Amino acid sequence: MIEILSPTDVLRAKDTGALVAGILQTLKSRCVVGTNLLDIDRWAQAMITEAGAQSCYVDYEPSFGRGPFGHYICTSVNDAVLHGLPHDYPLADGDLLSLDLAVSQGGVVADSAISFIVGDVRPAESLALIDATERALQAGIAAAGPGVPIGDISHAIGSVLNAAGYSVNTEFGGHGVGSTMHQDPHVSNIGRPGRGYRLRPGLLLALEPWVMADTATLVTDADGWTLRSATGCRTAHSEHTIAITDDGADVLTLPTH
């Protein structure tokens, strides 16, 4: 289903996006060496509950996961890139952590992800991965607007990732959001311009470039959820929810600080 939101619902989506962005930035500021992934999950739960919002993850049970997700945020470390199931793990100096959060508030969903290095060790490969996904995300946002084919966004994202030397996995990518978390249209992280659904004002999209350093192949962890690089290489993931407007795209999950 492709859902086109009313102007009133788009305003609600801006509030949801601000909430998601604020939670992610707060969590990032709290993540230090020794922070446990389960603490991050508890902090996310507390902030979502305090805001009177609802998690999109706790009861989430898609075909590619094992049972309800059961947690409030995805915490993916180092070779884990997507759907990282929070577990008893204290973060180490130099870990690359990706946090992915989707929340519903006022009946509208916003979805965002950030990747960053924990502690003082700054591995060059990790920084390059994060930089590539962030630049690809900005390229995808810049390509979005009314009447633009989905393929133009996919091409913009994939061109940046390929130019940075990364191959692109097409199993998971961006997607529509609205009253639910995962909707059509699918937004691949690589594609051909001029093809696909043409965007309309009121459409919300979660754009999410992600890469693995030396492979495009994923493996599923024993927990049935966490997706890791097949070679054990490091990974990164960046995501924003945008609203298509009459003259471009409005980023709903930008941090305010």
Protein backbone atom coordinates (compact mmCIF):
# COMPACT_ATOMS: atom_id res chain seq x y z
CA MET A 1 0.00 0.00 0.00
CA ILE A 2 1.21 3.51 -0.85
CA GLU A 3 -0.25 5.96 1.66
CA ILE A 4 -0.53 9.68 0.90
CA LEU A 5 -0.89 11.71 4.09
CA SER A 6 -3.12 14.73 4.56
CA PRO A 7 -1.46 18.07 5.47
CA THR A 8 -2.64 17.55 9.06
CA ASP A 9 -1.00 14.12 9.21
CA VAL A 10 2.22 15.50 7.73
CA LEU A 11 2.31 18.02 10.60
CA ARG A 12 1.88 15.12 13.04
CA ALA A 13 4.70 13.32 11.25
CA LYS A 14 6.97 16.31 11.89
CA ASP A 15 6.32 15.95 15.61
CA THR A 16 7.04 12.22 15.45
CA GLY A 17 10.23 12.86 13.49
CA ALA A 18 11.42 15.39 16.06
CA LEU A 19 10.78 12.85 18.81
CA VAL A 20 12.75 10.13 17.03
CA ALA A 21 15.64 12.47 16.28
CA GLY A 22 15.75 13.68 19.88
CA ILE A 23 15.76 10.16 21.31
CA LEU A 24 18.57 9.06 18.99
CA GLN A 25 20.74 12.05 19.88
CA THR A 26 20.15 11.50 23.59
CA LEU A 27 21.07 7.85 23.26
CA LYS A 28 24.20 8.73 21.28
CA SER A 29 25.30 11.10 24.04
CA ARG A 30 24.86 8.35 26.65
CA CYS A 31 26.75 5.65 24.73
CA VAL A 32 30.23 5.37 26.21
CA VAL A 33 32.69 2.54 26.66
CA GLY A 34 30.99 0.01 28.93
CA THR A 35 27.41 0.98 28.06
CA ASN A 36 25.31 -2.18 27.73
CA LEU A 37 23.04 -2.63 24.71
CA LEU A 38 20.22 -3.61 27.07
CA ASP A 39 20.60 -0.26 28.85
CA ILE A 40 20.19 1.51 25.51
CA ASP A 41 16.98 -0.44 24.95
CA ARG A 42 15.66 0.49 28.42
CA TRP A 43 16.49 4.16 27.87
CA ALA A 44 14.65 4.11 24.54
CA GLN A 45 11.64 2.48 26.17
CA ALA A 46 11.54 5.12 28.91
CA MET A 47 11.72 8.04 26.47
CA ILE A 48 9.09 6.60 24.14
CA THR A 49 6.74 5.92 27.04
CA GLU A 50 7.32 9.36 28.59
CA ALA A 51 6.37 10.98 25.27
CA GLY A 52 3.11 9.01 25.12
CA ALA A 53 4.30 7.36 21.90
CA GLN A 54 4.39 3.73 20.80
CA SER A 55 7.27 1.53 19.70
CA CYS A 56 7.02 0.08 16.19
CA TYR A 57 9.35 -2.78 17.13
CA VAL A 58 8.14 -4.57 20.26
CA ASP A 59 5.37 -6.55 18.55
CA TYR A 60 6.94 -6.46 15.08
CA GLU A 61 6.83 -9.94 13.53
CA PRO A 62 7.72 -9.92 9.81
CA SER A 63 8.48 -12.99 7.72
CA PHE A 64 12.25 -12.37 7.87
CA GLY A 65 12.45 -12.25 11.70
CA ARG A 66 12.02 -14.86 14.40
CA GLY A 67 8.92 -14.11 16.47
CA PRO A 68 8.08 -10.65 17.85
CA PHE A 69 11.19 -8.41 18.02
CA GLY A 70 10.48 -7.75 21.69
CA HIS A 71 12.67 -4.62 22.06
CA TYR A 72 12.37 -0.88 21.48
CA ILE A 73 15.40 -0.14 19.30
CA CYS A 74 17.78 -1.93 16.95
CA THR A 75 21.38 -1.94 18.21
CA SER A 76 23.84 -3.17 15.57
CA VAL A 77 27.55 -3.37 16.47
CA ASN A 78 30.52 -3.64 14.11
CA ASP A 79 29.73 -6.47 11.65
CA ALA A 80 25.99 -6.25 12.46
CA VAL A 81 24.23 -3.80 10.16
CA LEU A 82 20.44 -4.24 10.37
CA HIS A 83 17.84 -5.38 12.92
CA GLY A 84 20.42 -5.74 15.69
CA LEU A 85 18.63 -7.38 18.63
CA PRO A 86 19.66 -5.75 21.93
CA HIS A 87 21.50 -8.23 24.16
CA ASP A 88 23.92 -8.31 27.06
CA TYR A 89 26.96 -6.67 25.47
CA PRO A 90 29.03 -3.79 26.93
CA LEU A 91 30.34 -1.45 24.24
CA ALA A 92 34.11 -1.42 23.72
CA ASP A 93 36.40 1.43 22.73
CA GLY A 94 36.25 1.81 18.93
CA ASP A 95 33.02 -0.11 18.42
CA LEU A 96 30.91 1.05 15.47
CA LEU A 97 27.33 1.26 16.72
CA SER A 98 24.22 1.74 14.59
CA LEU A 99 20.96 2.70 16.30
CA ASP A 100 17.72 2.34 14.33
CA LEU A 101 14.48 3.65 15.84
CA ALA A 102 10.90 3.76 14.57
CA VAL A 103 8.13 5.30 16.67
CA SER A 104 4.43 6.00 16.18
CA GLN A 105 2.94 9.14 17.71
CA GLY A 106 -0.44 10.63 16.90
CA GLY A 107 -1.03 7.78 14.47
CA VAL A 108 1.98 8.60 12.28
CA VAL A 109 5.37 6.85 12.13
CA ALA A 110 8.89 8.24 11.75
CA ASP A 111 11.98 6.06 11.26
CA SER A 112 15.66 7.01 11.51
CA ALA A 113 19.09 5.45 12.02
CA ILE A 114 22.52 6.78 12.97
CA SER A 115 25.96 5.18 13.06
CA PHE A 116 28.86 6.40 15.21
CA ILE A 117 32.06 5.33 16.92
CA VAL A 118 32.06 4.69 20.67
CA GLY A 119 35.01 5.92 22.74
CA ASP A 120 38.33 7.41 21.65
CA VAL A 121 39.58 4.87 19.10
CA ARG A 122 38.62 6.09 15.62
CA PRO A 123 39.21 3.34 13.02
CA ALA A 124 39.61 4.92 9.58
CA GLU A 125 37.64 2.17 7.85
CA SER A 126 34.68 2.73 10.19
CA LEU A 127 34.72 6.48 9.68
CA ALA A 128 34.76 5.97 5.90
CA LEU A 129 31.76 3.64 6.08
CA ILE A 130 29.75 6.13 8.13
CA ASP A 131 30.72 9.01 5.86
CA ALA A 132 29.66 7.11 2.73
CA THR A 133 26.21 6.27 4.10
CA GLU A 134 25.64 9.83 5.28
CA ARG A 135 26.67 11.29 1.92
CA ALA A 136 24.52 8.75 0.09
CA LEU A 137 21.57 9.67 2.30
CA GLN A 138 22.00 13.35 1.48
CA ALA A 139 22.19 12.53 -2.23
CA GLY A 140 18.96 10.55 -2.01
CA ILE A 141 17.21 13.38 -0.19
CA ALA A 142 18.45 15.91 -2.73
CA ALA A 143 17.04 13.80 -5.57
CA ALA A 144 13.55 13.54 -4.01
CA GLY A 145 10.62 15.72 -5.01
CA PRO A 146 7.14 15.65 -6.56
CA GLY A 147 6.99 13.71 -9.82
CA VAL A 148 10.44 12.21 -9.32
CA PRO A 149 10.67 8.46 -10.08
CA ILE A 150 11.87 6.24 -7.24
CA GLY A 151 14.70 5.11 -9.50
CA ASP A 152 16.22 8.58 -9.38
CA ILE A 153 16.60 8.35 -5.59
CA SER A 154 18.00 4.82 -5.78
CA HIS A 155 20.47 5.87 -8.47
CA ALA A 156 21.63 8.87 -6.43
CA ILE A 157 22.21 6.73 -3.33
CA GLY A 158 23.90 3.88 -5.19
CA SER A 159 26.18 6.19 -7.16
CA VAL A 160 27.67 7.60 -3.95
CA LEU A 161 28.12 4.17 -2.37
CA ASN A 162 29.70 2.69 -5.51
CA ALA A 163 32.02 5.68 -5.94
CA ALA A 164 33.20 5.12 -2.37
CA GLY A 165 34.14 1.56 -3.32
CA TYR A 166 31.26 -0.36 -1.77
CA SER A 167 29.00 -2.95 -3.34
CA VAL A 168 25.28 -2.59 -2.60
CA ASN A 169 22.95 -5.23 -1.20
CA THR A 170 19.41 -5.01 -2.60
CA GLU A 171 17.60 -7.29 -0.11
CA PHE A 172 16.78 -4.39 2.23
CA GLY A 173 16.39 -0.70 1.52
CA GLY A 174 14.19 2.31 2.09
CA HIS A 175 10.42 2.23 2.19
CA GLY A 176 7.26 4.20 2.59
CA VAL A 177 6.00 5.06 6.07
CA GLY A 178 2.76 6.55 7.34
CA SER A 179 0.25 5.04 9.71
CA THR A 180 2.47 1.92 9.76
CA MET A 181 6.22 1.42 9.69
CA HIS A 182 6.86 -0.50 6.47
CA GLN A 183 4.87 0.39 3.37
CA ASP A 184 5.33 0.64 -0.37
CA PRO A 185 7.10 1.93 -2.30
CA HIS A 186 10.36 0.07 -1.77
CA VAL A 187 13.41 2.30 -2.29
CA SER A 188 16.42 0.23 -3.29
CA ASN A 189 19.87 1.60 -2.49
CA ILE A 190 20.85 1.22 -6.12
CA GLY A 191 18.82 1.64 -9.28
CA ARG A 192 18.30 3.18 -12.69
CA PRO A 193 17.03 6.75 -13.05
CA GLY A 194 13.69 7.43 -14.69
CA ARG A 195 12.06 4.25 -13.44
CA GLY A 196 9.47 3.40 -10.83
CA TYR A 197 6.67 5.10 -8.94
CA ARG A 198 6.59 8.88 -9.23
CA LEU A 199 6.54 10.63 -5.88
CA ARG A 200 3.53 12.68 -4.74
CA PRO A 201 3.21 15.40 -2.09
CA GLY A 202 2.13 13.86 1.21
CA LEU A 203 4.18 10.69 0.72
CA LEU A 204 6.58 9.82 3.54
CA LEU A 205 9.71 7.84 2.73
CA ALA A 206 12.36 6.37 5.00
CA LEU A 207 15.61 6.47 3.00
CA GLU A 208 18.31 4.23 4.47
CA PRO A 209 21.62 3.61 2.74
CA TRP A 210 23.71 0.94 4.47
CA VAL A 211 26.93 -0.76 3.44
CA MET A 212 29.41 -3.45 4.43
CA ALA A 213 33.12 -2.83 3.95
CA ASP A 214 34.02 -5.73 1.65
CA THR A 215 30.89 -7.71 0.79
CA ALA A 216 27.25 -7.38 -0.26
CA THR A 217 26.25 -10.67 1.37
CA LEU A 218 24.29 -10.84 4.62
CA VAL A 219 24.00 -13.65 7.14
CA THR A 220 21.40 -13.95 9.89
CA ASP A 221 22.62 -14.25 13.46
CA ALA A 222 21.59 -17.10 15.74
CA ASP A 223 19.07 -14.76 17.40
CA GLY A 224 16.97 -14.91 14.22
CA TRP A 225 17.01 -11.12 13.77
CA THR A 226 20.46 -9.53 13.60
CA LEU A 227 21.84 -9.28 10.06
CA ARG A 228 25.63 -9.35 9.78
CA SER A 229 28.20 -9.09 7.01
CA ALA A 230 29.10 -12.53 5.69
CA THR A 231 32.81 -11.81 6.01
CA GLY A 232 32.73 -10.27 9.48
CA CYS A 233 33.68 -6.85 8.10
CA ARG A 234 32.36 -3.64 9.61
CA THR A 235 29.16 -1.96 8.46
CA ALA A 236 27.27 1.34 8.73
CA HIS A 237 23.66 2.52 8.34
CA SER A 238 22.13 6.01 8.04
CA GLU A 239 18.42 6.81 7.70
CA HIS A 240 16.01 9.75 7.64
CA THR A 241 12.27 10.00 7.14
CA ILE A 242 11.33 12.61 4.56
CA ALA A 243 8.00 14.08 3.47
CA ILE A 244 7.51 14.88 -0.21
CA THR A 245 6.27 18.46 -0.56
CA ASP A 246 5.02 20.55 -3.47
CA ASP A 247 8.54 21.78 -4.17
CA GLY A 248 10.93 19.14 -2.82
CA ALA A 249 11.37 17.09 0.32
CA ASP A 250 11.27 17.96 4.02
CA VAL A 251 13.55 15.97 6.33
CA LEU A 252 11.52 15.08 9.42
CA THR A 253 14.19 13.39 11.55
CA LEU A 254 16.96 15.98 11.58
CA PRO A 255 18.42 16.55 15.06
CA THR A 256 17.97 20.04 16.46
CA HIS A 257 21.27 20.06 18.34
